[in-house]
Amino acid sequence: MSKKLYPFVGLVMALVLGLSACAPVATSTPTSVPVPVVPTTVAPTVVVPTLDAMTQLMTAARAEGKLVTYGMPNDWVNYGGLFNVYSALYGIAHEDTDMDSGTIISTLEAEKASPVADTTDLGLNFAKLVEDEGLSQPYMNSNWSDIPDYAKDPQGRWSAAYYGVIAFLVNADTVTNVPQTWEDLLKPEYANTVCMKNPGSSATAQMIVLAAAFAHGGNETNVQPGLDFFKKMIDGGILNGVSPSVANIQKGECPISIQWDFDALSNKYQNPDLNLQVVIPSDGSVAGMYIQFVTAGAPHANAAKLMLEFEYSDQGQMEYAMGFVHPIRANVQLPADLLAKFPPASAYSAVSFPKNYAALDAASAAIADGWAVIHP
C-alpha cells in the first residue's frame, strides 16, 4: 500500500517506558462523550447514578454496528490485528477500502455531502489540509493527556497513534558490505542495487528524500540537500528503478531497499529464509507520525470514537507495536521479546523528528517538483 508523510516522542526509546495492566480500552471518561444525568422518578432522597461515559459510547457504537475505514488494510501496521480485537470486543463489523493518501483526501472531499468513511489513517503532512478543509470532527480520547502536544491538535481534530523511521533493508546474502550510512550508498559497489518508491508520487519516498536531507544538513524547510544527494545516486547508477515490494524483495530484485523501518522489519520476519538486515543510517534519518481522526459527518461516529479509544489504549498501542511501528504513548512499555525484534535504541540516536506539519506539506511538494528535475 502506498502511504504517507509525519513527528517525535522519543523514538524506540519511548517504547520502553511503563505498561500498565492492559484493559482493552481505557475506562476514564473520553472528553467528547457527554455524561448525562439519568432522570429519576424515585423519592428525592434516593440518588440515581449517572451512566458511565464509556458504557454510553460502547452502547451507541454497538447500536451502529459498523465501522467504515479508508486506507487501513489488514497488512498495514497490523491493522488486521487491531480490527480483529476491536470487532471481537464490541461486536462491530469493519469494512475498509484500501487507497493511498491522495485518494483518501479527494474521496473525503467528494463525499462531504454524503459521508461514507468513519475514520482513516494519514501522514502528518496532511494534518493542515484536514484542518483547512474541515475533514474531521473534534474528539479527545481517554488517553489524550498521554499523547505529546506535538502529536495532537489542541482542538481534538486529529492525533497521531504511532510513528515510523526511514531505514535500509539489506539482503546480506547478496550485499557483502552492509551499508550503514547514506554516504555508503554512493560507493560504486552498490551500483544498481538500491530500490525505493518514486518521490514524484509516493509520500513514503518523499520522506526518504527528506531523511537524506536531514543527514546532509537540511530539514523540512530545506529539502535541497536531499535532492542533491539523490542526484549523486542517480548519476552514479545506484538506483535500479525497482519498487521494493514484498515480491521484488523475495525475488532478490532489491538487494537494498529504502523504506519505513516497520516495513523493513515486517519483510525481515516474514522472510526468515533470507538474511535481511534492518539498518537505521547512522548519519541521520527522520521519523514520521500517522494521524487518525473521526471524519466529519461520519455515519458511524460512535464506532469511530470507540476505535480511537481502542487505538490509544494499552492494548491498542501494543497491537500497533506488533506491526513494528512505534507507539505514540511514552508510558507504554513493550515486552522484552517484542522489543528485541526492533533495532536497539542506540540505533535511533541520529534520528530527527520533524514536527511542523505545515512545513512537511510544503516539503512534499518541493521534493516532488525537485525530483522531476533530477530524474525526468
Protein backbone atom coordinates (compact mmCIF):
# COMPACT_ATOMS: atom_id res chain seq x y z
CA MET A 1 0.00 0.00 0.00
CA SER A 2 1.27 3.44 -0.88
CA LYS A 3 1.20 5.66 2.17
CA LYS A 4 2.08 8.96 3.52
CA LEU A 5 4.02 11.72 5.44
CA TYR A 6 4.71 12.87 9.59
CA PRO A 7 6.85 13.76 14.31
CA PHE A 8 8.56 12.61 17.78
CA VAL A 9 8.10 11.06 21.02
CA GLY A 10 11.39 9.61 21.97
CA LEU A 11 11.66 7.09 19.10
CA VAL A 12 12.20 3.46 20.09
CA MET A 13 13.39 4.76 23.45
CA ALA A 14 9.79 5.84 24.03
CA LEU A 15 8.78 2.24 23.69
CA VAL A 16 10.43 1.29 26.95
CA LEU A 17 8.66 3.49 29.43
CA GLY A 18 5.86 1.73 31.52
CA LEU A 19 2.97 -0.57 30.51
CA SER A 20 0.05 -0.60 32.82
CA ALA A 21 -2.36 -3.51 33.04
CA CYS A 22 -3.85 -3.95 29.56
CA ALA A 23 -7.52 -3.34 29.71
CA PRO A 24 -8.61 -3.42 26.10
CA VAL A 25 -9.93 0.09 26.26
CA ALA A 26 -9.20 2.77 28.86
CA THR A 27 -12.13 3.36 31.11
CA SER A 28 -11.65 7.02 32.02
CA THR A 29 -14.16 9.47 30.62
CA PRO A 30 -13.47 10.47 27.00
CA THR A 31 -13.52 14.23 26.62
CA SER A 32 -16.05 14.22 23.82
CA VAL A 33 -18.57 11.83 25.35
CA PRO A 34 -21.17 13.63 27.48
CA VAL A 35 -22.31 12.04 30.71
CA PRO A 36 -25.99 12.83 31.06
CA VAL A 37 -27.80 12.51 34.35
CA VAL A 38 -30.41 9.77 34.24
CA PRO A 39 -33.86 11.13 35.09
CA THR A 40 -35.35 9.53 38.15
CA THR A 41 -38.87 9.08 39.40
CA VAL A 42 -37.91 7.81 42.85
CA ALA A 43 -38.04 9.84 46.00
CA PRO A 44 -35.68 12.85 46.03
CA THR A 45 -33.60 11.32 48.81
CA VAL A 46 -32.53 8.45 46.50
CA VAL A 47 -29.51 9.24 44.29
CA VAL A 48 -29.59 7.51 40.88
CA PRO A 49 -26.08 7.07 39.44
CA THR A 50 -25.25 8.53 36.04
CA LEU A 51 -24.37 6.27 33.17
CA ASP A 52 -20.66 5.75 32.70
CA ALA A 53 -19.46 7.65 29.61
CA MET A 54 -17.58 4.68 28.17
CA THR A 55 -20.60 2.46 28.65
CA GLN A 56 -22.68 5.00 26.76
CA LEU A 57 -20.14 5.10 23.95
CA MET A 58 -19.96 1.31 23.67
CA THR A 59 -23.74 1.03 23.68
CA ALA A 60 -24.11 3.66 20.95
CA ALA A 61 -21.31 2.12 18.86
CA ARG A 62 -22.81 -1.36 19.10
CA ALA A 63 -26.16 0.05 18.02
CA GLU A 64 -24.47 1.46 14.90
CA GLY A 65 -22.93 -1.99 14.39
CA LYS A 66 -20.43 -1.00 11.69
CA LEU A 67 -17.15 0.86 11.14
CA VAL A 68 -16.07 2.01 7.67
CA THR A 69 -12.42 2.99 7.11
CA TYR A 70 -10.29 4.23 4.24
CA GLY A 71 -6.63 3.29 3.76
CA MET A 72 -6.38 0.98 6.79
CA PRO A 73 -5.89 -2.52 5.28
CA ASN A 74 -5.07 -5.55 7.39
CA ASP A 75 -1.43 -5.68 6.22
CA TRP A 76 -0.65 -2.06 7.15
CA VAL A 77 0.91 -1.64 10.63
CA ASN A 78 -1.07 -4.64 11.94
CA TYR A 79 -4.48 -3.09 11.37
CA GLY A 80 -5.68 -6.65 10.83
CA GLY A 81 -4.79 -7.37 14.44
CA LEU A 82 -6.36 -4.17 15.74
CA PHE A 83 -9.64 -4.66 13.91
CA ASN A 84 -9.87 -8.34 14.84
CA VAL A 85 -9.63 -7.48 18.53
CA TYR A 86 -11.91 -4.46 18.17
CA SER A 87 -14.63 -6.48 16.45
CA ALA A 88 -14.31 -9.33 18.95
CA LEU A 89 -14.58 -6.95 21.92
CA TYR A 90 -17.50 -4.88 20.69
CA GLY A 91 -19.29 -6.95 18.04
CA ILE A 92 -18.87 -4.22 15.43
CA ALA A 93 -18.27 -5.18 11.79
CA HIS A 94 -15.43 -3.49 9.91
CA GLU A 95 -15.09 -2.57 6.24
CA ASP A 96 -12.00 -0.99 4.68
CA THR A 97 -11.30 0.38 1.23
CA ASP A 98 -7.56 0.46 0.63
CA MET A 99 -6.41 3.66 -1.05
CA ASP A 100 -3.39 5.95 -0.98
CA SER A 101 -3.34 9.27 0.83
CA GLY A 102 -4.20 11.46 -2.14
CA THR A 103 -7.19 9.29 -2.98
CA ILE A 104 -8.33 9.33 0.65
CA ILE A 105 -8.31 13.12 0.70
CA SER A 106 -10.07 13.52 -2.64
CA THR A 107 -12.68 10.91 -1.67
CA LEU A 108 -13.42 12.55 1.69
CA GLU A 109 -13.82 15.88 -0.07
CA ALA A 110 -16.06 14.39 -2.78
CA GLU A 111 -18.26 12.69 -0.16
CA LYS A 112 -18.75 15.71 2.11
CA ALA A 113 -22.44 15.93 1.27
CA SER A 114 -22.96 12.23 1.93
CA PRO A 115 -20.07 10.85 4.02
CA VAL A 116 -19.17 7.16 3.84
CA ALA A 117 -15.96 6.70 5.85
CA ASP A 118 -15.87 6.97 9.64
CA THR A 119 -12.10 7.17 10.18
CA THR A 120 -8.83 6.94 8.31
CA ASP A 121 -5.03 7.00 8.65
CA LEU A 122 -2.85 9.72 7.06
CA GLY A 123 0.67 11.07 7.34
CA LEU A 124 1.20 14.16 9.48
CA ASN A 125 1.79 16.31 6.41
CA PHE A 126 -1.94 16.03 5.65
CA ALA A 127 -2.97 17.46 9.04
CA LYS A 128 -3.14 21.05 7.82
CA LEU A 129 -5.32 20.06 4.87
CA VAL A 130 -7.60 18.09 7.22
CA GLU A 131 -7.96 21.21 9.36
CA ASP A 132 -8.36 23.65 6.47
CA GLU A 133 -10.92 21.52 4.63
CA GLY A 134 -12.89 20.57 7.75
CA LEU A 135 -12.49 16.85 7.07
CA SER A 136 -12.63 15.78 10.72
CA GLN A 137 -14.71 16.36 13.83
CA PRO A 138 -13.23 17.00 17.29
CA TYR A 139 -12.79 14.08 19.65
CA MET A 140 -10.35 13.64 22.51
CA ASN A 141 -9.89 10.03 23.59
CA SER A 142 -9.45 8.93 27.20
CA ASN A 143 -5.65 8.83 26.87
CA TRP A 144 -5.44 12.31 25.36
CA SER A 145 -3.16 13.60 28.13
CA ASP A 146 -0.63 10.84 27.36
CA ILE A 147 -0.23 12.00 23.75
CA PRO A 148 2.60 14.53 23.29
CA ASP A 149 1.38 18.03 22.46
CA TYR A 150 3.11 17.99 19.07
CA ALA A 151 1.30 14.78 18.16
CA LYS A 152 -2.23 16.16 18.51
CA ASP A 153 -4.39 19.10 17.56
CA PRO A 154 -5.35 21.24 20.58
CA GLN A 155 -8.94 21.26 19.31
CA GLY A 156 -9.07 17.47 19.03
CA ARG A 157 -9.39 17.40 15.23
CA TRP A 158 -6.62 14.78 14.85
CA SER A 159 -3.93 12.95 16.79
CA ALA A 160 -1.12 10.54 15.95
CA ALA A 161 -1.19 6.98 17.26
CA TYR A 162 2.22 5.79 16.05
CA TYR A 163 5.31 6.65 14.02
CA GLY A 164 7.95 5.03 11.83
CA VAL A 165 11.58 5.77 10.88
CA ILE A 166 13.26 5.68 7.46
CA ALA A 167 15.64 2.72 7.27
CA PHE A 168 17.64 0.48 4.92
CA LEU A 169 16.61 -3.15 4.40
CA VAL A 170 19.67 -5.05 3.18
CA ASN A 171 19.85 -8.59 1.82
CA ALA A 172 23.15 -9.64 3.36
CA ASP A 173 23.17 -12.81 1.24
CA THR A 174 23.85 -10.68 -1.84
CA VAL A 175 25.34 -7.50 -0.35
CA THR A 176 28.72 -8.34 1.18
CA ASN A 177 29.29 -4.99 2.90
CA VAL A 178 26.09 -3.83 4.57
CA PRO A 179 25.85 -0.02 4.22
CA GLN A 180 25.50 1.86 7.49
CA THR A 181 25.16 5.44 6.23
CA TRP A 182 23.70 7.41 3.34
CA GLU A 183 27.22 8.21 2.18
CA ASP A 184 27.97 4.49 1.99
CA LEU A 185 25.28 4.16 -0.66
CA LEU A 186 27.30 6.32 -3.06
CA LYS A 187 30.05 3.69 -3.30
CA PRO A 188 30.38 2.07 -6.74
CA GLU A 189 29.89 -1.38 -5.24
CA TYR A 190 26.21 -0.53 -4.68
CA ALA A 191 25.51 0.36 -8.32
CA ASN A 192 22.08 -0.84 -9.48
CA THR A 193 21.23 -2.33 -6.08
CA VAL A 194 19.04 0.28 -4.35
CA CYS A 195 15.24 0.16 -4.55
CA MET A 196 12.80 2.86 -3.47
CA LYS A 197 9.42 4.20 -4.49
CA ASN A 198 9.08 7.22 -6.75
CA PRO A 199 9.25 10.54 -4.83
CA GLY A 200 7.27 12.14 -7.62
CA SER A 201 4.15 10.33 -6.41
CA SER A 202 4.93 8.41 -3.20
CA ALA A 203 4.73 10.20 0.16
CA THR A 204 6.93 7.49 1.70
CA ALA A 205 9.60 8.17 -0.94
CA GLN A 206 9.32 11.88 -0.22
CA MET A 207 10.11 11.13 3.40
CA ILE A 208 13.13 9.15 2.20
CA VAL A 209 14.45 12.22 0.38
CA LEU A 210 13.70 14.29 3.49
CA ALA A 211 15.70 11.82 5.60
CA ALA A 212 18.66 12.23 3.25
CA ALA A 213 18.24 16.00 3.54
CA PHE A 214 18.44 15.86 7.34
CA ALA A 215 21.54 13.65 7.08
CA HIS A 216 23.21 16.31 4.94
CA GLY A 217 22.35 19.45 6.89
CA GLY A 218 18.84 20.10 5.59
CA ASN A 219 15.44 19.99 7.24
CA GLU A 220 11.74 20.18 6.38
CA THR A 221 12.16 23.78 5.23
CA ASN A 222 15.29 22.99 3.20
CA VAL A 223 14.98 19.76 1.21
CA GLN A 224 17.63 20.64 -1.38
CA PRO A 225 20.45 18.68 0.33
CA GLY A 226 18.31 15.55 -0.03
CA LEU A 227 17.66 16.20 -3.69
CA ASP A 228 21.36 16.91 -4.24
CA PHE A 229 22.26 13.60 -2.61
CA PHE A 230 19.86 11.64 -4.79
CA LYS A 231 21.19 13.41 -7.87
CA LYS A 232 24.53 11.80 -6.98
CA MET A 233 22.75 8.46 -6.54
CA ILE A 234 21.16 8.80 -9.96
CA ASP A 235 24.38 9.93 -11.66
CA GLY A 236 26.23 7.00 -10.06
CA GLY A 237 23.69 4.46 -11.27
CA ILE A 238 22.92 3.40 -7.70
CA LEU A 239 19.13 3.32 -8.05
CA ASN A 240 17.77 0.40 -10.04
CA GLY A 241 14.26 1.70 -10.68
CA VAL A 242 12.53 -1.22 -8.94
CA SER A 243 9.88 -0.57 -6.29
CA PRO A 244 10.63 -2.53 -3.08
CA SER A 245 7.50 -4.69 -2.99
CA VAL A 246 7.45 -7.85 -0.91
CA ALA A 247 7.61 -9.93 -4.10
CA ASN A 248 10.56 -7.98 -5.50
CA ILE A 249 12.46 -8.37 -2.25
CA GLN A 250 11.72 -12.08 -2.16
CA LYS A 251 12.87 -12.49 -5.77
CA GLY A 252 16.18 -10.81 -5.00
CA GLU A 253 15.48 -7.80 -7.21
CA CYS A 254 16.01 -5.41 -4.31
CA PRO A 255 19.37 -6.09 -2.63
CA ILE A 256 18.95 -2.79 -0.74
CA SER A 257 15.56 -1.20 -0.09
CA ILE A 258 14.96 2.20 1.49
CA GLN A 259 11.65 2.20 3.36
CA TRP A 260 9.99 2.67 6.74
CA ASP A 261 11.55 0.60 9.50
CA PHE A 262 8.18 -1.08 10.14
CA ASP A 263 8.01 -2.23 6.51
CA ALA A 264 11.63 -3.39 6.68
CA LEU A 265 11.05 -5.31 9.91
CA SER A 266 7.88 -6.90 8.54
CA ASN A 267 9.81 -8.05 5.46
CA LYS A 268 12.60 -9.38 7.65
CA TYR A 269 10.40 -11.51 9.90
CA GLN A 270 8.09 -12.66 7.11
CA ASN A 271 11.08 -13.99 5.15
CA PRO A 272 13.24 -15.90 7.64
CA ASP A 273 14.99 -17.76 4.82
CA LEU A 274 16.55 -14.50 3.64
CA ASN A 275 19.41 -12.87 5.54
CA LEU A 276 17.72 -9.47 5.77
CA GLN A 277 19.20 -6.78 7.99
CA VAL A 278 17.50 -3.56 9.06
CA VAL A 279 19.79 -0.53 9.32
CA ILE A 280 18.94 2.92 10.67
CA PRO A 281 21.51 5.12 8.86
CA SER A 282 23.88 6.48 11.47
CA ASP A 283 24.44 9.79 9.68
CA GLY A 284 20.79 10.71 10.10
CA SER A 285 17.19 9.78 9.38
CA VAL A 286 13.71 11.04 10.13
CA ALA A 287 10.67 9.76 11.96
CA GLY A 288 7.14 10.35 10.76
CA MET A 289 3.80 10.21 12.53
CA TYR A 290 0.49 8.98 11.16
CA ILE A 291 -2.69 10.70 12.26
CA GLN A 292 -6.16 9.34 12.95
CA PHE A 293 -9.48 11.13 13.39
CA VAL A 294 -13.25 10.79 13.21
CA THR A 295 -14.34 12.07 9.82
CA ALA A 296 -16.73 14.99 9.55
CA GLY A 297 -20.25 13.64 9.29
CA ALA A 298 -19.14 10.06 9.97
CA PRO A 299 -22.18 7.76 9.55
CA HIS A 300 -20.94 5.63 12.43
CA ALA A 301 -19.31 8.31 14.57
CA ASN A 302 -19.61 6.42 17.84
CA ALA A 303 -17.97 3.33 16.33
CA ALA A 304 -15.15 5.57 15.11
CA LYS A 305 -14.72 7.18 18.54
CA LEU A 306 -14.65 3.75 20.12
CA MET A 307 -11.96 2.71 17.62
CA LEU A 308 -9.88 5.72 18.67
CA GLU A 309 -10.36 4.71 22.29
CA PHE A 310 -9.01 1.27 21.42
CA GLU A 311 -6.11 2.54 19.28
CA TYR A 312 -4.80 4.67 22.16
CA SER A 313 -5.43 2.12 24.91
CA ASP A 314 -2.55 -0.01 26.21
CA GLN A 315 -3.79 -2.97 24.20
CA GLY A 316 -4.25 -0.94 21.02
CA GLN A 317 -0.79 0.57 21.28
CA MET A 318 0.61 -2.93 21.76
CA GLU A 319 -1.21 -4.14 18.65
CA TYR A 320 0.43 -1.33 16.69
CA ALA A 321 3.84 -2.35 18.02
CA MET A 322 3.20 -5.88 16.80
CA GLY A 323 3.15 -4.28 13.33
CA PHE A 324 6.64 -2.89 14.12
CA VAL A 325 5.60 0.74 14.46
CA HIS A 326 6.46 2.85 17.49
CA PRO A 327 3.51 3.62 19.82
CA ILE A 328 2.96 7.33 20.40
CA ARG A 329 2.27 6.93 24.12
CA ALA A 330 5.51 7.18 26.08
CA ASN A 331 4.06 5.26 29.03
CA VAL A 332 3.55 2.05 27.05
CA GLN A 333 6.30 -0.50 27.59
CA LEU A 334 6.83 -3.36 25.17
CA PRO A 335 7.61 -6.85 26.46
CA ALA A 336 11.24 -7.85 26.07
CA ASP A 337 10.61 -10.44 23.36
CA LEU A 338 8.83 -7.92 21.13
CA LEU A 339 11.26 -5.10 21.84
CA ALA A 340 14.13 -7.42 20.87
CA LYS A 341 12.76 -7.59 17.32
CA PHE A 342 13.44 -3.87 16.82
CA PRO A 343 16.89 -2.37 16.25
CA PRO A 344 18.46 -1.32 19.56
CA ALA A 345 17.53 2.09 20.96
CA SER A 346 21.07 3.30 20.25
CA ALA A 347 20.48 2.82 16.52
CA TYR A 348 17.90 5.61 16.63
CA SER A 349 20.17 8.20 18.24
CA ALA A 350 20.70 10.15 15.00
CA VAL A 351 17.01 10.29 14.07
CA SER A 352 15.29 13.67 13.78
CA PHE A 353 11.59 14.17 14.27
CA PRO A 354 10.13 16.99 12.12
CA LYS A 355 7.01 18.30 13.83
CA ASN A 356 5.94 21.26 11.68
CA TYR A 357 3.14 19.70 9.67
CA ALA A 358 2.62 22.79 7.52
CA ALA A 359 6.31 22.71 6.58
CA LEU A 360 6.06 18.98 5.86
CA ASP A 361 3.21 19.67 3.48
CA ALA A 362 5.35 22.21 1.61
CA ALA A 363 8.35 19.85 1.70
CA SER A 364 6.35 17.12 -0.03
CA ALA A 365 5.54 19.41 -2.93
CA ALA A 366 9.11 20.69 -3.13
CA ILE A 367 10.51 17.16 -3.25
CA ALA A 368 8.03 16.03 -5.91
CA ASP A 369 8.86 19.07 -8.03
CA GLY A 370 12.59 18.69 -7.45
CA TRP A 371 12.52 15.01 -8.34
CA ALA A 372 11.08 15.85 -11.74
CA VAL A 373 14.16 17.98 -12.35
CA ILE A 374 16.83 15.49 -11.25
CA HIS A 375 15.05 12.40 -12.58
CA PRO A 376 12.91 13.49 -15.57
